[in-house]
Amino acid sequence: MSDEVLLVDDEPNVLQALRRSLHGRFKLQLAEGGPAALKMLQDDGPFAVVVCDMQMPEVSGLTVLAESKRVAPDTIRVMLTGNADQQTAINAVNQGSVFRFLNKPCPADQLAETLESAIRQYQSQTLERTLLTRTLTGTIGLITEFLALVNPTAFGRGGRIRNLTKQFCARLQLEETWQYEIAAMLSQIGCVAVPQQLLDRVARGHVLTASEEELMRSQAEIGSRLISKIPRLEGVAAMIAGQIPGQVQSNSTPTIELGANILRILIDFDLLCEHHSVSEAINWLEVDESGKYNPKLLESFTAMVLGNVESKLVHVAELSERMILDENILTRNGDILITKGHELTTPLIHRLRAFEQGAAGVRQPFRVRVRSNDS
């Protein structure tokens, strides 16, 4: 856990005076002016505390603090200012989420006391976030293991969608991607209320009756209700409900709307890939005229799956991490070992090699997808 403090001022003499007055009490980094501070926030952060002068040429203190909030929301922000008018305070709170204002020149004892309070606040926030993340991870792990036992078809789809979501979020350069990935992992949990025979019909591409289609649509609402009972997953629950068009509430946040739109594309893409090639699946999505898919997201997703992935036949001996199965891997008797869509890891590869040497054997070659930068 970082406890470094970044001091920002455009006057070198002020920075050195602050360093001397705080020497030995804190881990300090100095940034002379706004541009240097912005670079350090990107390259050397996150910092526990950022203390920034308000009035600086080129880049204002307000801009520095706002950027600090964007790149590291947990960082505690302190403003040094000789212009403590009401509008300055309003802007600082609204744009930079300032923890405390200090007037210049600031006595060393007052600054040190402020930094101690700010570091305690930072440690408290990050510890709470770590505990919550571990709790959520454990809870979600339990849910997905349960789903794997009760409904392996739905679990397999959720795992594949999660892999796609992770890649897509990286392409879109999204922040706080955990909620999108969790929504993908749990997007099919409502399928516990859907008969396995119906899920099999969907997987085989059969035409559904009106009542069967309604039952499949209801799984999103059921899943959303289940997940909404878990603290801090209310937004995830709303994304899961929103995988069905028209279910995103009008007052939803942009994050929820984006998550729901991502799920619509990825879930339908996965279903189409059960019986079509990747390019054919994309074609089906692109010709849809219902308005179900966000055009810009679909364009970006298309570029990701068609521009960066190659499909090829391989043997077990040629497998490596990050390859994605483009078909089920079977024993010689036709039993499924690993379902289509899984991203290969070292344990999975070892498992396949063990089966290859055993009595069950492995049918090969089989088709995998390889990212161009992994070839």
Protein backbone atom coordinates (compact mmCIF):
# COMPACT_ATOMS: atom_id res chain seq x y z
CA MET A 1 0.00 0.00 0.00
CA SER A 2 1.55 3.31 -1.09
CA ASP A 3 1.95 6.09 1.45
CA GLU A 4 3.85 8.50 -0.79
CA VAL A 5 2.95 12.18 -0.90
CA LEU A 6 3.24 14.23 -4.09
CA LEU A 7 3.91 17.94 -3.53
CA VAL A 8 3.14 20.19 -6.51
CA ASP A 9 4.17 23.85 -6.88
CA ASP A 10 5.60 25.89 -9.73
CA GLU A 11 8.11 27.60 -7.42
CA PRO A 12 11.22 25.46 -6.73
CA ASN A 13 12.04 27.39 -3.54
CA VAL A 14 8.61 26.59 -2.10
CA LEU A 15 9.01 22.90 -2.89
CA GLN A 16 12.42 22.71 -1.27
CA ALA A 17 11.13 24.52 1.82
CA LEU A 18 8.29 22.02 2.10
CA ARG A 19 10.75 19.14 1.69
CA ARG A 20 12.96 20.46 4.50
CA SER A 21 10.04 21.05 6.87
CA LEU A 22 8.64 17.55 6.32
CA HIS A 23 11.95 15.67 6.02
CA GLY A 24 11.98 12.28 7.69
CA ARG A 25 8.27 12.26 8.45
CA PHE A 26 6.82 11.36 5.05
CA LYS A 27 7.83 9.76 1.75
CA LEU A 28 7.85 12.76 -0.54
CA GLN A 29 7.90 13.25 -4.32
CA LEU A 30 8.20 16.74 -5.81
CA ALA A 31 6.69 18.03 -9.03
CA GLU A 32 7.71 21.46 -10.28
CA GLY A 33 4.60 22.77 -12.03
CA GLY A 34 1.45 21.27 -13.50
CA PRO A 35 2.92 19.47 -16.55
CA ALA A 36 5.48 17.64 -14.38
CA ALA A 37 2.73 16.69 -11.93
CA LEU A 38 0.52 15.24 -14.67
CA LYS A 39 3.41 13.10 -15.92
CA MET A 40 4.20 11.82 -12.43
CA LEU A 41 0.55 10.96 -11.79
CA GLN A 42 0.65 8.73 -14.88
CA ASP A 43 4.14 7.27 -14.47
CA ASP A 44 4.77 7.08 -10.72
CA GLY A 45 1.35 6.86 -9.07
CA PRO A 46 -0.82 6.12 -7.34
CA PHE A 47 0.05 8.44 -4.47
CA ALA A 48 -1.60 8.40 -1.07
CA VAL A 49 -1.87 12.20 -1.04
CA VAL A 50 -1.44 14.98 -3.60
CA VAL A 51 -0.80 18.48 -2.24
CA CYS A 52 -1.10 21.06 -4.99
CA ASP A 53 -0.78 24.82 -5.32
CA MET A 54 -3.86 26.41 -6.87
CA GLN A 55 -2.30 29.21 -8.91
CA MET A 56 0.20 27.82 -11.45
CA PRO A 57 0.91 28.77 -15.08
CA GLU A 58 0.37 26.30 -17.96
CA VAL A 59 -1.67 23.81 -15.93
CA SER A 60 -3.71 24.94 -12.94
CA GLY A 61 -3.84 23.17 -9.59
CA LEU A 62 -7.50 22.43 -10.20
CA THR A 63 -6.62 20.54 -13.39
CA VAL A 64 -3.92 18.56 -11.57
CA LEU A 65 -6.30 17.54 -8.78
CA ALA A 66 -9.06 16.63 -11.23
CA GLU A 67 -6.61 14.42 -13.16
CA SER A 68 -5.46 12.86 -9.90
CA LYS A 69 -9.06 11.99 -9.13
CA ARG A 70 -9.47 10.43 -12.58
CA VAL A 71 -6.37 8.22 -12.57
CA ALA A 72 -6.46 7.28 -8.86
CA PRO A 73 -9.84 7.92 -7.21
CA ASP A 74 -8.61 6.81 -3.77
CA THR A 75 -5.83 9.43 -3.65
CA ILE A 76 -6.50 12.13 -1.07
CA ARG A 77 -6.26 15.63 -2.51
CA VAL A 78 -5.16 18.77 -0.62
CA MET A 79 -5.13 22.27 -2.10
CA LEU A 80 -2.72 25.06 -1.17
CA THR A 81 -4.15 28.43 -2.10
CA GLY A 82 -3.81 32.08 -1.35
CA ASN A 83 -7.15 32.73 -3.03
CA ALA A 84 -9.73 30.98 -0.86
CA ASP A 85 -12.82 32.63 -2.35
CA GLN A 86 -16.13 30.79 -2.51
CA GLN A 87 -15.99 29.94 -6.22
CA THR A 88 -12.50 28.47 -5.87
CA ALA A 89 -13.79 26.21 -3.11
CA ILE A 90 -16.84 25.16 -5.14
CA ASN A 91 -14.75 24.31 -8.20
CA ALA A 92 -12.21 22.39 -6.15
CA VAL A 93 -14.87 20.29 -4.43
CA ASN A 94 -16.83 19.60 -7.62
CA GLN A 95 -13.91 18.88 -9.94
CA GLY A 96 -11.12 17.72 -7.65
CA SER A 97 -12.89 16.30 -4.57
CA VAL A 98 -10.56 18.19 -2.26
CA PHE A 99 -10.04 16.75 1.23
CA ARG A 100 -8.78 19.98 2.79
CA PHE A 101 -7.84 23.58 1.90
CA LEU A 102 -4.68 25.15 3.31
CA ASN A 103 -3.78 28.81 3.02
CA LYS A 104 -0.32 29.82 1.81
CA PRO A 105 2.05 30.15 3.51
CA CYS A 106 1.11 27.08 5.54
CA PRO A 107 2.85 26.39 8.89
CA ALA A 108 4.84 23.15 8.82
CA ASP A 109 3.01 21.64 11.80
CA GLN A 110 -0.39 22.29 10.22
CA LEU A 111 0.71 20.74 6.92
CA ALA A 112 2.18 17.70 8.70
CA GLU A 113 -1.01 17.18 10.69
CA THR A 114 -3.06 17.42 7.49
CA LEU A 115 -0.84 14.88 5.75
CA GLU A 116 -1.13 12.42 8.63
CA SER A 117 -4.92 12.69 8.53
CA ALA A 118 -4.94 12.35 4.75
CA ILE A 119 -2.74 9.23 4.81
CA ARG A 120 -4.98 7.62 7.45
CA GLN A 121 -7.98 8.39 5.26
CA TYR A 122 -6.25 6.87 2.23
CA GLN A 123 -5.28 3.72 4.11
CA SER A 124 -8.81 3.33 5.44
CA GLN A 125 -10.32 3.69 1.95
CA THR A 126 -7.93 1.28 0.26
CA LEU A 127 -8.24 -1.31 3.04
CA GLU A 128 -12.03 -1.18 2.79
CA ARG A 129 -11.86 -1.53 -1.00
CA THR A 130 -9.50 -4.53 -0.68
CA LEU A 131 -11.76 -6.28 1.82
CA LEU A 132 -14.84 -5.64 -0.28
CA THR A 133 -13.10 -6.85 -3.43
CA ARG A 134 -12.04 -10.08 -1.74
CA THR A 135 -15.55 -10.59 -0.36
CA LEU A 136 -17.09 -10.00 -3.78
CA THR A 137 -14.56 -12.28 -5.45
CA GLY A 138 -15.31 -15.07 -3.00
CA THR A 139 -19.06 -14.62 -3.35
CA ILE A 140 -18.94 -14.60 -7.13
CA GLY A 141 -16.64 -17.63 -7.14
CA LEU A 142 -19.17 -19.53 -5.02
CA ILE A 143 -22.04 -18.50 -7.30
CA THR A 144 -20.25 -19.53 -10.49
CA GLU A 145 -19.20 -22.88 -9.00
CA PHE A 146 -22.82 -23.49 -8.03
CA LEU A 147 -23.97 -22.59 -11.53
CA ALA A 148 -21.37 -24.93 -13.01
CA LEU A 149 -22.86 -27.82 -11.04
CA VAL A 150 -26.51 -26.97 -11.65
CA ASN A 151 -26.31 -25.73 -15.21
CA PRO A 152 -23.02 -26.37 -17.06
CA THR A 153 -24.41 -25.00 -20.33
CA ALA A 154 -25.11 -21.59 -18.82
CA PHE A 155 -21.84 -21.58 -16.89
CA GLY A 156 -19.84 -22.30 -20.03
CA ARG A 157 -21.52 -19.42 -21.82
CA GLY A 158 -20.90 -17.07 -18.89
CA GLY A 159 -17.21 -17.96 -18.86
CA ARG A 160 -16.85 -17.34 -22.58
CA ILE A 161 -18.69 -14.03 -22.36
CA ARG A 162 -16.46 -12.98 -19.48
CA ASN A 163 -13.33 -13.65 -21.57
CA LEU A 164 -14.72 -11.56 -24.41
CA THR A 165 -15.73 -8.80 -22.01
CA LYS A 166 -12.22 -8.61 -20.55
CA GLN A 167 -10.73 -8.20 -24.02
CA PHE A 168 -13.39 -5.70 -25.10
CA CYS A 169 -12.99 -3.53 -22.00
CA ALA A 170 -9.24 -3.38 -22.61
CA ARG A 171 -9.87 -2.30 -26.20
CA LEU A 172 -12.32 0.40 -25.05
CA GLN A 173 -9.85 1.51 -22.32
CA LEU A 174 -12.57 1.37 -19.69
CA GLU A 175 -11.98 2.01 -15.99
CA GLU A 176 -13.43 -0.07 -13.13
CA THR A 177 -13.72 -3.04 -15.47
CA TRP A 178 -14.51 -5.46 -12.62
CA GLN A 179 -18.22 -4.65 -12.82
CA TYR A 180 -18.43 -5.39 -16.55
CA GLU A 181 -16.60 -8.69 -16.09
CA ILE A 182 -18.79 -9.71 -13.15
CA ALA A 183 -21.92 -8.84 -15.14
CA ALA A 184 -20.66 -11.08 -17.93
CA MET A 185 -19.82 -13.96 -15.57
CA LEU A 186 -23.24 -13.80 -13.94
CA SER A 187 -25.27 -12.83 -17.00
CA GLN A 188 -26.66 -16.37 -17.33
CA ILE A 189 -27.39 -17.06 -13.65
CA GLY A 190 -31.14 -16.67 -14.31
CA CYS A 191 -30.89 -19.82 -16.41
CA VAL A 192 -31.19 -21.84 -13.19
CA ALA A 193 -34.94 -21.27 -13.70
CA VAL A 194 -34.87 -22.44 -17.34
CA PRO A 195 -35.26 -26.16 -18.17
CA GLN A 196 -32.07 -27.76 -19.45
CA GLN A 197 -33.95 -29.05 -22.50
CA LEU A 198 -34.76 -25.50 -23.54
CA LEU A 199 -31.15 -24.38 -23.09
CA ASP A 200 -30.07 -27.30 -25.26
CA ARG A 201 -32.56 -26.23 -27.95
CA VAL A 202 -31.14 -22.70 -27.84
CA ALA A 203 -27.58 -24.03 -28.07
CA ARG A 204 -28.49 -26.14 -31.09
CA GLY A 205 -30.03 -23.15 -32.85
CA HIS A 206 -33.60 -24.47 -32.87
CA VAL A 207 -36.47 -22.10 -33.58
CA LEU A 208 -38.28 -21.37 -30.31
CA THR A 209 -41.97 -20.99 -29.68
CA ALA A 210 -43.32 -17.68 -28.38
CA SER A 211 -43.61 -19.10 -24.85
CA GLU A 212 -40.05 -20.46 -24.99
CA GLU A 213 -38.72 -17.09 -26.14
CA GLU A 214 -40.55 -15.39 -23.28
CA LEU A 215 -39.05 -17.85 -20.80
CA MET A 216 -35.56 -17.17 -22.14
CA ARG A 217 -36.12 -13.42 -21.84
CA SER A 218 -37.31 -13.85 -18.26
CA GLN A 219 -33.98 -15.34 -17.21
CA ALA A 220 -32.38 -11.87 -17.40
CA GLU A 221 -34.92 -10.44 -14.96
CA ILE A 222 -34.57 -13.44 -12.65
CA GLY A 223 -30.79 -13.15 -12.69
CA SER A 224 -30.98 -9.42 -12.02
CA ARG A 225 -33.21 -9.96 -8.97
CA LEU A 226 -30.85 -12.58 -7.57
CA ILE A 227 -27.72 -10.44 -7.98
CA SER A 228 -29.38 -7.27 -6.66
CA LYS A 229 -29.43 -8.88 -3.21
CA ILE A 230 -25.62 -8.73 -3.03
CA PRO A 231 -24.30 -5.39 -1.67
CA ARG A 232 -22.38 -3.22 -4.17
CA LEU A 233 -23.64 -5.26 -7.12
CA GLU A 234 -26.76 -3.21 -7.78
CA GLY A 235 -25.19 -1.76 -10.94
CA VAL A 236 -24.19 -5.24 -12.11
CA ALA A 237 -27.76 -6.43 -11.54
CA ALA A 238 -29.06 -3.56 -13.68
CA MET A 239 -26.63 -4.50 -16.48
CA ILE A 240 -27.86 -8.09 -16.38
CA ALA A 241 -31.48 -6.95 -16.66
CA GLY A 242 -30.49 -4.65 -19.51
CA GLN A 243 -29.25 -7.49 -21.71
CA ILE A 244 -32.90 -7.55 -22.84
CA PRO A 245 -33.69 -4.34 -24.80
CA GLY A 246 -36.09 -2.04 -23.01
CA GLN A 247 -35.13 -3.22 -19.53
CA VAL A 248 -32.56 -0.49 -18.83
CA GLN A 249 -34.26 2.13 -16.67
CA SER A 250 -34.39 5.69 -17.98
CA ASN A 251 -32.46 6.98 -14.95
CA SER A 252 -29.64 4.45 -15.32
CA THR A 253 -26.05 5.66 -15.27
CA PRO A 254 -23.88 5.68 -18.42
CA THR A 255 -21.89 2.80 -16.90
CA ILE A 256 -24.99 0.62 -16.59
CA GLU A 257 -26.13 1.47 -20.12
CA LEU A 258 -22.68 0.66 -21.49
CA GLY A 259 -22.55 -2.64 -19.59
CA ALA A 260 -25.98 -3.67 -20.84
CA ASN A 261 -25.06 -2.82 -24.43
CA ILE A 262 -21.84 -4.82 -24.18
CA LEU A 263 -23.75 -7.84 -22.86
CA ARG A 264 -26.27 -7.73 -25.73
CA ILE A 265 -23.54 -7.92 -28.34
CA LEU A 266 -21.40 -10.52 -26.61
CA ILE A 267 -24.21 -12.88 -25.56
CA ASP A 268 -25.73 -12.97 -29.04
CA PHE A 269 -22.28 -13.31 -30.61
CA ASP A 270 -21.56 -16.32 -28.41
CA LEU A 271 -24.88 -17.94 -29.31
CA LEU A 272 -24.28 -17.38 -33.01
CA CYS A 273 -20.78 -18.85 -32.79
CA GLU A 274 -22.32 -22.17 -31.68
CA HIS A 275 -23.29 -22.80 -35.32
CA HIS A 276 -21.47 -20.17 -37.39
CA SER A 277 -17.94 -18.97 -37.94
CA VAL A 278 -16.81 -15.78 -36.26
CA SER A 279 -17.21 -13.75 -39.46
CA GLU A 280 -20.69 -15.22 -40.08
CA ALA A 281 -21.72 -14.38 -36.51
CA ILE A 282 -20.56 -10.78 -37.00
CA ASN A 283 -22.53 -10.58 -40.24
CA TRP A 284 -25.70 -11.66 -38.43
CA LEU A 285 -25.17 -8.95 -35.81
CA GLU A 286 -24.50 -6.29 -38.43
CA VAL A 287 -27.64 -6.99 -40.46
CA ASP A 288 -29.92 -6.84 -37.42
CA GLU A 289 -32.44 -4.03 -37.94
CA SER A 290 -34.12 -4.09 -34.53
CA GLY A 291 -31.80 -1.45 -33.05
CA LYS A 292 -30.73 -3.90 -30.35
CA TYR A 293 -27.02 -3.15 -30.68
CA ASN A 294 -25.12 0.09 -30.18
CA PRO A 295 -23.58 0.80 -33.64
CA LYS A 296 -20.28 2.23 -32.34
CA LEU A 297 -19.78 -0.62 -29.88
CA LEU A 298 -20.57 -3.19 -32.56
CA GLU A 299 -18.09 -1.56 -34.93
CA SER A 300 -15.37 -1.67 -32.27
CA PHE A 301 -16.19 -5.26 -31.34
CA THR A 302 -16.08 -6.29 -35.00
CA ALA A 303 -12.62 -4.76 -35.38
CA MET A 304 -11.49 -6.64 -32.28
CA VAL A 305 -12.65 -10.13 -33.23
CA LEU A 306 -11.98 -9.96 -36.97
CA GLY A 307 -8.88 -7.80 -37.01
CA ASN A 308 -6.89 -9.31 -34.18
CA VAL A 309 -7.77 -13.02 -34.11
CA GLU A 310 -6.69 -15.90 -36.33
CA SER A 311 -8.38 -19.32 -36.32
CA LYS A 312 -6.19 -22.37 -36.92
CA LEU A 313 -5.95 -26.13 -36.36
CA VAL A 314 -3.52 -27.33 -33.70
CA HIS A 315 -2.51 -30.45 -31.77
CA VAL A 316 -2.21 -30.69 -27.99
CA ALA A 317 1.57 -30.35 -28.21
CA GLU A 318 1.16 -26.93 -29.90
CA LEU A 319 -1.08 -25.38 -27.25
CA SER A 320 -0.05 -22.28 -25.34
CA GLU A 321 -1.64 -19.89 -22.89
CA ARG A 322 -4.19 -17.32 -24.14
CA MET A 323 -5.34 -19.48 -27.04
CA ILE A 324 -9.16 -19.64 -27.15
CA LEU A 325 -10.93 -22.85 -28.07
CA ASP A 326 -12.95 -22.47 -31.25
CA GLU A 327 -14.62 -25.86 -30.77
CA ASN A 328 -15.22 -28.36 -27.97
CA ILE A 329 -12.25 -30.59 -27.17
CA LEU A 330 -13.38 -34.22 -27.05
CA THR A 331 -12.01 -37.58 -25.95
CA ARG A 332 -11.72 -40.27 -28.60
CA ASN A 333 -15.12 -41.54 -27.41
CA GLY A 334 -16.72 -38.15 -27.96
CA ASP A 335 -16.94 -37.00 -24.33
CA ILE A 336 -16.42 -33.26 -23.81
CA LEU A 337 -13.23 -32.36 -21.97
CA ILE A 338 -13.33 -28.57 -22.33
CA THR A 339 -16.09 -26.55 -23.97
CA LYS A 340 -15.66 -24.13 -26.82
CA GLY A 341 -14.72 -20.57 -25.90
CA HIS A 342 -12.45 -21.27 -22.95
CA GLU A 343 -9.17 -19.36 -22.82
CA LEU A 344 -6.37 -21.84 -22.24
CA THR A 345 -4.31 -21.63 -19.06
CA THR A 346 -1.33 -23.70 -17.93
CA PRO A 347 -3.49 -26.02 -15.74
CA LEU A 348 -5.91 -26.67 -18.62
CA ILE A 349 -3.04 -27.45 -20.98
CA HIS A 350 -1.52 -29.88 -18.46
CA ARG A 351 -4.93 -31.52 -18.12
CA LEU A 352 -5.20 -32.02 -21.86
CA ARG A 353 -1.71 -33.43 -22.10
CA ALA A 354 -2.55 -35.92 -19.34
CA PHE A 355 -5.69 -37.02 -21.19
CA GLU A 356 -3.71 -37.30 -24.42
CA GLN A 357 -1.39 -39.81 -22.74
CA GLY A 358 -4.25 -41.67 -21.02
CA ALA A 359 -6.68 -44.29 -22.23
CA ALA A 360 -9.38 -41.72 -23.09
CA GLY A 361 -7.12 -39.82 -25.49
CA VAL A 362 -7.93 -36.55 -27.22
CA ARG A 363 -9.41 -36.01 -30.68
CA GLN A 364 -7.05 -33.81 -32.62
CA PRO A 365 -6.33 -31.59 -34.36
CA PHE A 366 -8.90 -29.08 -33.16
CA ARG A 367 -9.50 -25.43 -33.91
CA VAL A 368 -8.35 -22.55 -31.69
CA ARG A 369 -8.34 -18.79 -32.00
CA VAL A 370 -5.03 -16.97 -31.55
CA ARG A 371 -4.59 -13.24 -31.10
CA SER A 372 -2.26 -11.83 -33.72
CA ASN A 373 0.12 -10.44 -31.09
CA ASP A 374 0.35 -13.89 -29.47
CA SER A 375 1.27 -15.79 -32.63
